[in-house]
Amino acid sequence: MTLLEVEKTIKYSSFFGASLTLKELHLWLISPHIHSFMEVSNFISKHPALQKQLISKHDQKKTRLTKQKTKSIQKLISVLKCIPSIQLIALTGSLSIGNPKKYDDIDLMIITSPNTLWLTRPFVILLTSFLSKRRKPGEPLGLNNQVCINLWLDQTSLIVPKSKQNLYTAHEVLQTKPLFDRGGVHQQFIRVNSWTRKHLAAAHERKSPPGLCCACGEPRGWLKQTLNLLFFTSQYLYMKPKITNEYITPHSAYFHPRNLYPQIKTILQN
């Protein structure tokens, strides 16, 4: 463990307006190596300036807000999980690590069974619009508890594309918090993205406990593949005029128009 690794970890958290406890520093330490909690604790005790930047516990307001926002989508989740093709629904973003602001969206990731992403998406959009506050493309920020499903994957495309494999995405992958998991899909998602270990070794180790992980191979069934492709094409053509930096394929949709990594990289280098 180095001073630079600890400083980067604290800077990363500060970029998102969050403070870390000692346990969180240990968990999210930016390092390709795993260090024990005692190692981290002893290291921090020798650096009073760093120790002052940590907190003993989190603000109770944020804890209550996290619970309130999560509770606000319980009905939606209970309905969405009845869709057979949905294998995983998980929180992402600030809410998944207990650091939301009042008007932050509720960001979700959905993983579907093979070749059903674009067949499933229209039903999810309809139900979300009916049962909750779905953020629509181009809508202004500032509305409370809007649901934004900004990451869609099917089980044949769980690995983050190499072009997106960086520290920021590693954080986003490892901090996902499952709300509904049909058969260990979240663990599978974490395990196949083993590249995250080179950025956040301790978090990867904690989030991927020992056990078998059955990768889902290419599915059979030409009808489902054909229908998914047709639904993908129609939805893609509808979205095309609004697409900027989103990454969209027949088996995945990364609706993240802003790439924060360049900003983060600059801050960590200073």
Foldseek 3Di string as FASTA:
>chain_A
DDPLQLVLQQLLQVVVPHAAALVVSQQQRFALDHDDSVVSVVVVVVPVVSVVRHDHDDDVVLVVLLVVLVVLCPVVVVVLVVPQFWAFKWWFDCSLVSRDDFQDEGEIETEGEPLCQLVSVVVSVVSCVVRHAADDPPDDTDDGHHYYHQKYFYLAPLADDPVPDDQVVLVRLLSIGTPHHHPCVSLLSLVVNCVSSRTRVSSSDVSNDDDDHDRDHHDDDVVSNVVLVVSLVVVCVVCVVVDDPWDDDSGITRNDNDDCVVVSVVSSVD
